[in-house]
């Protein structure tokens, strides 16, 4: 099967990762980007929860596209109850005419409690297991009109009066994808979910040697195989039109890697590669607000493991060489200059398809 290609509806800029604020796009911006990205040949468009709500733009994208799949990459689960998420996903599946993919993740305790002002009531893995099963029960109840009760340790769903039931739709329930880095979540994905959204911090080596075996083990528990799960990878891209530009792109990519690698939840990847000390120092820098100092800790060796590096003309060959062994879908978080060069993007998408 050929590698599918996706991108972000409106990409995050390097300044955002460096703590310098972000853009505030409007309805027309989302509509224009959705039309253009579909016309350029992408299979999926995604929205992130990185300062803006991830669900609202999908309503706009659904109205202005016809075939491209639309996904949250990812929406944070626990600050929203399962019913809030289920209703959003159900309506978006209807409005998009069956093209919506629900991508959810847990975030970490500190962000849940201190940024979202949401309680952290239990370890994230078992809680997310309940959350997913509760969503499945709600989707079944919406479609059939009969309450499919779910009573778990962390969530209970036992009532759905007809007045509050959104009712059946013409399409299957939205597929559920989860974000995962560590083994429990990847096994959970294989067992209960339709897809895995890999964090960019997951190197290709870590994905192949740690994540994929865990997904396969989870899938086997429910009589499935790894081939039944969509694996969506998002390698960092240090790319530019020419070699001179690649050096600047490498610096910006170091900033992004350092931002994510400062989070202790992701340090299993660093430990796998023997970079634990770097992770500890990055975390300390993040507590001190030293965002612009952090990229200096990302070595050339680390950069080569995390990122695809080269000119735009080299990207398709790199993806063909490195990605199919790890992913079924590759997510291209393209630099702003490239996104604006629509002809170049179209050529890159074409070349990736030809190389796969």
Protein backbone atom coordinates (compact mmCIF):
# COMPACT_ATOMS: atom_id res chain seq x y z
CA UNK A 1 0.00 0.00 0.00
CA UNK A 2 1.35 3.44 -0.92
CA UNK A 3 2.20 5.95 1.78
CA UNK A 4 -0.58 8.46 2.44
CA UNK A 5 0.36 12.12 2.82
CA UNK A 6 -1.11 14.67 5.21
CA UNK A 7 -0.34 18.17 6.39
CA UNK A 8 -1.50 20.73 8.93
CA UNK A 9 -4.31 23.01 7.83
CA UNK A 10 -2.36 26.06 9.02
CA UNK A 11 1.10 25.22 10.27
CA UNK A 12 2.68 26.43 13.49
CA UNK A 13 5.56 28.86 13.04
CA UNK A 14 9.03 28.65 14.57
CA UNK A 15 8.41 31.76 16.70
CA UNK A 16 5.62 29.95 18.54
CA UNK A 17 8.03 27.24 19.66
CA UNK A 18 10.44 29.91 20.86
CA UNK A 19 7.77 31.49 23.07
CA UNK A 20 7.24 34.54 20.86
CA UNK A 21 3.47 34.25 20.33
CA UNK A 22 1.41 33.02 17.41
CA UNK A 23 -0.92 34.02 14.59
CA UNK A 24 -4.69 34.36 14.93
CA UNK A 25 -6.15 33.09 11.63
CA UNK A 26 -9.70 33.91 10.57
CA UNK A 27 -12.44 31.99 8.82
CA UNK A 28 -11.24 33.06 5.37
CA UNK A 29 -7.70 31.86 6.18
CA UNK A 30 -8.90 28.38 7.12
CA UNK A 31 -11.19 28.15 4.09
CA UNK A 32 -8.47 29.22 1.66
CA UNK A 33 -5.89 26.85 3.16
CA UNK A 34 -8.31 23.91 3.09
CA UNK A 35 -9.18 24.43 -0.58
CA UNK A 36 -5.55 24.82 -1.57
CA UNK A 37 -4.22 21.86 0.38
CA UNK A 38 -6.87 19.56 -1.07
CA UNK A 39 -6.08 20.79 -4.58
CA UNK A 40 -2.39 20.07 -4.00
CA UNK A 41 -3.15 16.39 -3.48
CA UNK A 42 -2.94 15.76 0.26
CA UNK A 43 -4.89 12.79 1.63
CA UNK A 44 -5.47 14.27 5.10
CA UNK A 45 -5.62 17.75 6.67
CA UNK A 46 -5.13 18.12 10.41
CA UNK A 47 -5.67 20.73 13.09
CA UNK A 48 -3.65 21.10 16.28
CA UNK A 49 -4.62 22.17 19.78
CA UNK A 50 -1.80 24.62 20.27
CA UNK A 51 -3.48 27.78 21.48
CA UNK A 52 -6.62 27.49 19.35
CA UNK A 53 -9.49 25.01 19.48
CA UNK A 54 -8.81 22.08 17.11
CA UNK A 55 -12.43 21.28 16.27
CA UNK A 56 -13.77 24.62 15.00
CA UNK A 57 -11.52 24.86 11.90
CA UNK A 58 -12.71 21.45 10.74
CA UNK A 59 -16.23 22.81 10.30
CA UNK A 60 -14.81 25.39 7.89
CA UNK A 61 -12.57 22.88 6.13
CA UNK A 62 -15.48 20.45 5.73
CA UNK A 63 -17.53 23.10 3.93
CA UNK A 64 -14.72 24.01 1.52
CA UNK A 65 -13.42 20.54 0.59
CA UNK A 66 -14.85 17.40 -0.98
CA UNK A 67 -12.58 14.37 -0.55
CA UNK A 68 -9.68 15.06 1.81
CA UNK A 69 -9.94 13.50 5.28
CA UNK A 70 -9.99 15.90 8.23
CA UNK A 71 -8.49 15.11 11.63
CA UNK A 72 -7.62 16.59 15.00
CA UNK A 73 -3.91 16.11 15.65
CA UNK A 74 -4.62 16.07 18.50
CA UNK A 75 -7.45 17.29 20.74
CA UNK A 76 -6.73 16.99 24.45
CA UNK A 77 -9.12 14.47 25.94
CA UNK A 78 -9.39 14.91 29.70
CA UNK A 79 -10.42 18.60 29.91
CA UNK A 80 -13.47 17.58 27.83
CA UNK A 81 -15.88 14.94 29.09
CA UNK A 82 -16.43 11.90 26.85
CA UNK A 83 -19.89 13.22 25.92
CA UNK A 84 -18.50 16.60 24.86
CA UNK A 85 -15.94 14.87 22.66
CA UNK A 86 -18.47 12.34 21.32
CA UNK A 87 -20.93 15.05 20.27
CA UNK A 88 -18.21 17.10 18.57
CA UNK A 89 -16.87 14.06 16.71
CA UNK A 90 -20.35 12.87 15.71
CA UNK A 91 -21.37 16.26 14.32
CA UNK A 92 -18.07 16.67 12.47
CA UNK A 93 -18.43 13.22 10.94
CA UNK A 94 -21.87 14.24 9.70
CA UNK A 95 -20.83 17.70 8.48
CA UNK A 96 -17.77 16.35 6.67
CA UNK A 97 -19.78 13.56 5.03
CA UNK A 98 -17.82 10.80 6.71
CA UNK A 99 -14.33 12.30 6.42
CA UNK A 100 -13.55 13.07 10.07
CA UNK A 101 -10.92 11.28 12.15
CA UNK A 102 -10.93 11.88 15.90
CA UNK A 103 -7.36 12.23 17.12
CA UNK A 104 -7.06 12.60 20.89
CA UNK A 105 -4.25 12.70 23.41
CA UNK A 106 -3.82 13.09 27.15
CA UNK A 107 -1.17 15.82 27.52
CA UNK A 108 0.74 15.72 30.81
CA UNK A 109 -0.42 16.30 34.37
CA UNK A 110 1.04 19.78 34.70
CA UNK A 111 -0.68 21.08 31.57
CA UNK A 112 -4.02 19.49 32.50
CA UNK A 113 -4.02 20.96 35.99
CA UNK A 114 -2.24 24.26 35.48
CA UNK A 115 -3.06 25.24 31.87
CA UNK A 116 -6.47 23.66 31.34
CA UNK A 117 -7.52 24.01 35.00
CA UNK A 118 -8.76 20.43 34.75
CA UNK A 119 -8.42 17.74 37.44
CA UNK A 120 -5.89 14.93 36.99
CA UNK A 121 -7.75 12.12 38.68
CA UNK A 122 -5.81 8.98 37.73
CA UNK A 123 -2.87 7.67 35.69
CA UNK A 124 -3.46 8.64 32.05
CA UNK A 125 -3.31 5.19 30.45
CA UNK A 126 -6.14 3.43 32.35
CA UNK A 127 -8.17 6.62 32.27
CA UNK A 128 -7.82 6.94 28.49
CA UNK A 129 -8.81 3.28 28.11
CA UNK A 130 -12.09 4.06 29.89
CA UNK A 131 -12.49 7.25 27.85
CA UNK A 132 -12.20 5.41 24.53
CA UNK A 133 -14.61 2.67 25.58
CA UNK A 134 -17.05 5.30 26.77
CA UNK A 135 -16.82 7.09 23.40
CA UNK A 136 -17.54 3.82 21.59
CA UNK A 137 -20.64 3.28 23.76
CA UNK A 138 -21.86 6.80 23.04
CA UNK A 139 -21.35 6.45 19.28
CA UNK A 140 -23.34 3.21 19.33
CA UNK A 141 -26.10 4.90 21.33
CA UNK A 142 -26.29 7.82 18.92
CA UNK A 143 -26.64 5.49 15.96
CA UNK A 144 -29.16 3.02 17.37
CA UNK A 145 -31.17 5.11 19.81
CA UNK A 146 -30.58 2.48 22.50
CA UNK A 147 -28.31 3.48 25.38
CA UNK A 148 -25.23 1.25 25.28
CA UNK A 149 -24.24 1.69 28.89
CA UNK A 150 -20.62 1.91 29.92
CA UNK A 151 -19.56 1.71 33.57
CA UNK A 152 -15.83 1.95 34.04
CA UNK A 153 -13.57 2.94 36.89
CA UNK A 154 -13.10 6.49 35.62
CA UNK A 155 -16.17 7.21 33.47
CA UNK A 156 -19.79 6.08 33.56
CA UNK A 157 -22.37 6.53 30.84
CA UNK A 158 -25.82 5.15 31.76
CA UNK A 159 -28.39 7.65 30.48
CA UNK A 160 -29.24 9.19 27.10
CA UNK A 161 -32.83 10.43 26.86
CA UNK A 162 -34.09 10.75 23.24
CA UNK A 163 -34.25 14.55 23.61
CA UNK A 164 -30.43 14.67 23.99
CA UNK A 165 -29.52 12.01 21.44
CA UNK A 166 -28.17 13.58 18.22
CA UNK A 167 -29.54 10.65 16.27
CA UNK A 168 -28.13 8.42 13.52
CA UNK A 169 -25.98 9.62 10.64
CA UNK A 170 -25.31 8.12 7.22
CA UNK A 171 -21.67 7.38 7.97
CA UNK A 172 -19.73 5.00 10.24
CA UNK A 173 -18.70 6.22 13.67
CA UNK A 174 -15.58 8.41 13.50
CA UNK A 175 -12.36 6.41 13.67
CA UNK A 176 -10.45 7.03 16.89
CA UNK A 177 -6.73 7.75 16.76
CA UNK A 178 -4.63 8.40 19.84
CA UNK A 179 -1.30 10.11 20.35
CA UNK A 180 1.27 7.88 21.99
CA UNK A 181 4.97 7.72 22.77
CA UNK A 182 5.25 5.18 25.57
CA UNK A 183 4.47 1.46 25.60
CA UNK A 184 1.18 1.43 27.53
CA UNK A 185 -0.47 3.89 25.18
CA UNK A 186 0.84 2.19 22.06
CA UNK A 187 -0.48 -1.19 23.25
CA UNK A 188 -3.79 0.49 24.06
CA UNK A 189 -3.91 1.86 20.53
CA UNK A 190 -3.40 -1.57 19.04
CA UNK A 191 -6.12 -3.01 21.25
CA UNK A 192 -8.88 -0.41 20.98
CA UNK A 193 -8.14 2.22 18.32
CA UNK A 194 -8.12 2.70 14.57
CA UNK A 195 -4.91 4.67 14.35
CA UNK A 196 -1.81 5.91 16.13
CA UNK A 197 -0.64 9.49 15.81
CA UNK A 198 3.06 9.47 16.52
CA UNK A 199 4.56 12.46 18.22
CA UNK A 200 7.35 14.12 16.21
CA UNK A 201 9.66 13.34 19.13
CA UNK A 202 9.44 9.65 18.19
CA UNK A 203 12.47 8.95 16.04
CA UNK A 204 12.18 6.49 13.18
CA UNK A 205 14.44 4.04 15.03
CA UNK A 206 12.38 4.27 18.23
CA UNK A 207 9.18 3.84 16.21
CA UNK A 208 10.37 0.68 14.49
CA UNK A 209 12.00 -0.96 17.50
CA UNK A 210 9.69 0.09 20.36
CA UNK A 211 6.37 1.46 19.17
CA UNK A 212 5.39 -0.88 16.34
CA UNK A 213 5.97 -4.08 18.36
CA UNK A 214 3.84 -2.63 21.18
CA UNK A 215 1.01 -1.73 18.78
CA UNK A 216 1.17 -5.24 17.30
CA UNK A 217 0.99 -6.79 20.78
CA UNK A 218 -2.09 -4.75 21.62
CA UNK A 219 -3.75 -5.58 18.31
CA UNK A 220 -3.21 -9.29 18.87
CA UNK A 221 -5.28 -9.10 22.07
CA UNK A 222 -8.37 -8.31 19.98
CA UNK A 223 -7.63 -10.58 17.06
CA UNK A 224 -6.14 -7.89 14.87
CA UNK A 225 -2.70 -7.22 13.43
CA UNK A 226 -0.47 -4.23 12.95
CA UNK A 227 -1.80 -3.93 9.40
CA UNK A 228 -5.23 -3.04 10.81
CA UNK A 229 -3.90 0.12 12.51
CA UNK A 230 -3.08 3.34 10.68
CA UNK A 231 0.35 4.56 11.80
CA UNK A 232 0.75 8.29 11.20
CA UNK A 233 4.29 9.60 11.55
CA UNK A 234 5.34 13.23 11.72
CA UNK A 235 9.13 13.47 11.39
CA UNK A 236 10.67 16.87 11.90
CA UNK A 237 11.59 18.51 8.59
CA UNK A 238 14.80 20.52 8.26
CA UNK A 239 14.31 21.41 4.61
CA UNK A 240 14.85 24.40 2.36
CA UNK A 241 15.17 25.29 -1.36
CA UNK A 242 18.99 25.10 -1.31
CA UNK A 243 21.90 24.00 0.87
CA UNK A 244 22.36 27.47 2.37
CA UNK A 245 18.74 27.51 3.46
CA UNK A 246 19.06 24.04 4.96
CA UNK A 247 21.43 25.42 7.62
CA UNK A 248 18.79 27.90 8.77
CA UNK A 249 16.15 25.16 8.67
CA UNK A 250 18.33 22.97 10.88
CA UNK A 251 18.51 25.75 13.47
CA UNK A 252 14.71 26.16 13.50
CA UNK A 253 14.26 22.39 13.76
CA UNK A 254 16.59 22.27 16.75
CA UNK A 255 14.26 24.78 18.41
CA UNK A 256 11.25 22.52 17.82
CA UNK A 257 13.02 19.37 18.98
CA UNK A 258 14.27 21.10 22.13
CA UNK A 259 10.76 22.37 22.92
CA UNK A 260 9.27 18.87 22.91
CA UNK A 261 12.30 17.07 24.36
CA UNK A 262 12.08 19.29 27.45
CA UNK A 263 8.89 17.42 28.47
CA UNK A 264 9.74 14.52 30.78
CA UNK A 265 6.90 12.36 29.45
CA UNK A 266 8.84 12.08 26.18
CA UNK A 267 12.17 11.23 27.76
CA UNK A 268 11.72 7.51 27.06
CA UNK A 269 12.75 8.34 23.49
CA UNK A 270 15.85 10.19 24.68
CA UNK A 271 16.73 7.36 27.07
CA UNK A 272 16.38 4.82 24.24
CA UNK A 273 19.08 6.74 22.35
CA UNK A 274 21.26 7.38 25.42
CA UNK A 275 20.40 11.09 25.68
CA UNK A 276 18.89 11.17 29.17
CA UNK A 277 21.23 13.91 30.44
CA UNK A 278 20.23 16.20 27.57
CA UNK A 279 16.56 15.68 28.40
CA UNK A 280 17.10 16.57 32.05
CA UNK A 281 18.92 19.78 31.12
CA UNK A 282 16.26 20.75 28.57
CA UNK A 283 13.57 20.29 31.20
CA UNK A 284 15.46 22.53 33.61
CA UNK A 285 15.89 25.19 30.93
CA UNK A 286 12.13 25.10 30.23
CA UNK A 287 11.40 25.73 33.92
CA UNK A 288 13.75 28.71 33.79
CA UNK A 289 12.17 30.07 30.59
CA UNK A 290 15.41 29.71 28.62
CA UNK A 291 13.59 28.80 25.38
CA UNK A 292 16.17 30.33 23.06
CA UNK A 293 19.07 28.61 24.86
CA UNK A 294 17.61 25.12 24.52
CA UNK A 295 18.42 24.44 20.83
CA UNK A 296 22.15 24.54 21.58
CA UNK A 297 21.77 21.20 23.35
CA UNK A 298 20.51 19.40 20.22
CA UNK A 299 23.57 17.85 18.57
CA UNK A 300 24.01 16.99 14.90
CA UNK A 301 23.60 13.30 15.81
CA UNK A 302 20.28 14.01 17.52
CA UNK A 303 19.08 16.15 14.65
CA UNK A 304 19.81 13.38 12.14
CA UNK A 305 17.75 10.89 14.18
CA UNK A 306 14.76 13.17 14.65
CA UNK A 307 14.57 14.95 11.28
CA UNK A 308 14.58 14.57 7.53
CA UNK A 309 17.28 17.00 6.39
CA UNK A 310 17.94 18.35 2.92
CA UNK A 311 16.66 20.43 0.05
CA UNK A 312 13.09 20.32 -1.18
CA UNK A 313 14.21 18.26 -4.16
CA UNK A 314 15.66 15.62 -1.82
CA UNK A 315 12.59 15.26 0.41
CA UNK A 316 10.64 12.67 -1.60
CA UNK A 317 13.65 10.33 -1.85
CA UNK A 318 14.31 10.64 1.90
CA UNK A 319 10.69 9.84 2.71
CA UNK A 320 10.72 6.85 0.36
CA UNK A 321 13.94 5.56 1.93
CA UNK A 322 13.13 6.04 5.62
CA UNK A 323 9.38 6.29 6.25
CA UNK A 324 7.49 3.30 4.76
CA UNK A 325 9.12 0.89 7.21
CA UNK A 326 7.65 2.89 10.09
CA UNK A 327 4.46 4.63 8.86
CA UNK A 328 1.38 4.14 6.73
CA UNK A 329 0.85 7.92 6.57
CA UNK A 330 3.45 10.67 6.72
CA UNK A 331 2.52 14.08 8.07
CA UNK A 332 4.42 16.99 6.48
CA UNK A 333 4.66 20.00 8.79
CA UNK A 334 6.10 22.23 6.10
CA UNK A 335 7.99 25.48 6.70
CA UNK A 336 6.06 28.64 5.96
CA UNK A 337 8.05 29.56 2.84
CA UNK A 338 7.38 26.19 1.30
CA UNK A 339 3.66 26.29 2.10
CA UNK A 340 3.41 29.55 0.20
CA UNK A 341 5.07 28.01 -2.88
CA UNK A 342 2.06 26.02 -4.05
CA UNK A 343 3.69 24.73 -7.24
CA UNK A 344 6.63 23.38 -5.27
CA UNK A 345 4.33 21.68 -2.75
CA UNK A 346 2.36 20.06 -5.56
CA UNK A 347 5.60 18.76 -7.07
CA UNK A 348 6.73 17.35 -3.71
CA UNK A 349 3.43 15.53 -3.15
CA UNK A 350 3.63 14.14 -6.70
CA UNK A 351 7.23 13.01 -6.19
CA UNK A 352 6.43 11.30 -2.89
CA UNK A 353 3.64 9.34 -4.58
CA UNK A 354 5.91 8.38 -7.47
CA UNK A 355 8.67 7.24 -5.10
CA UNK A 356 6.26 5.03 -3.15
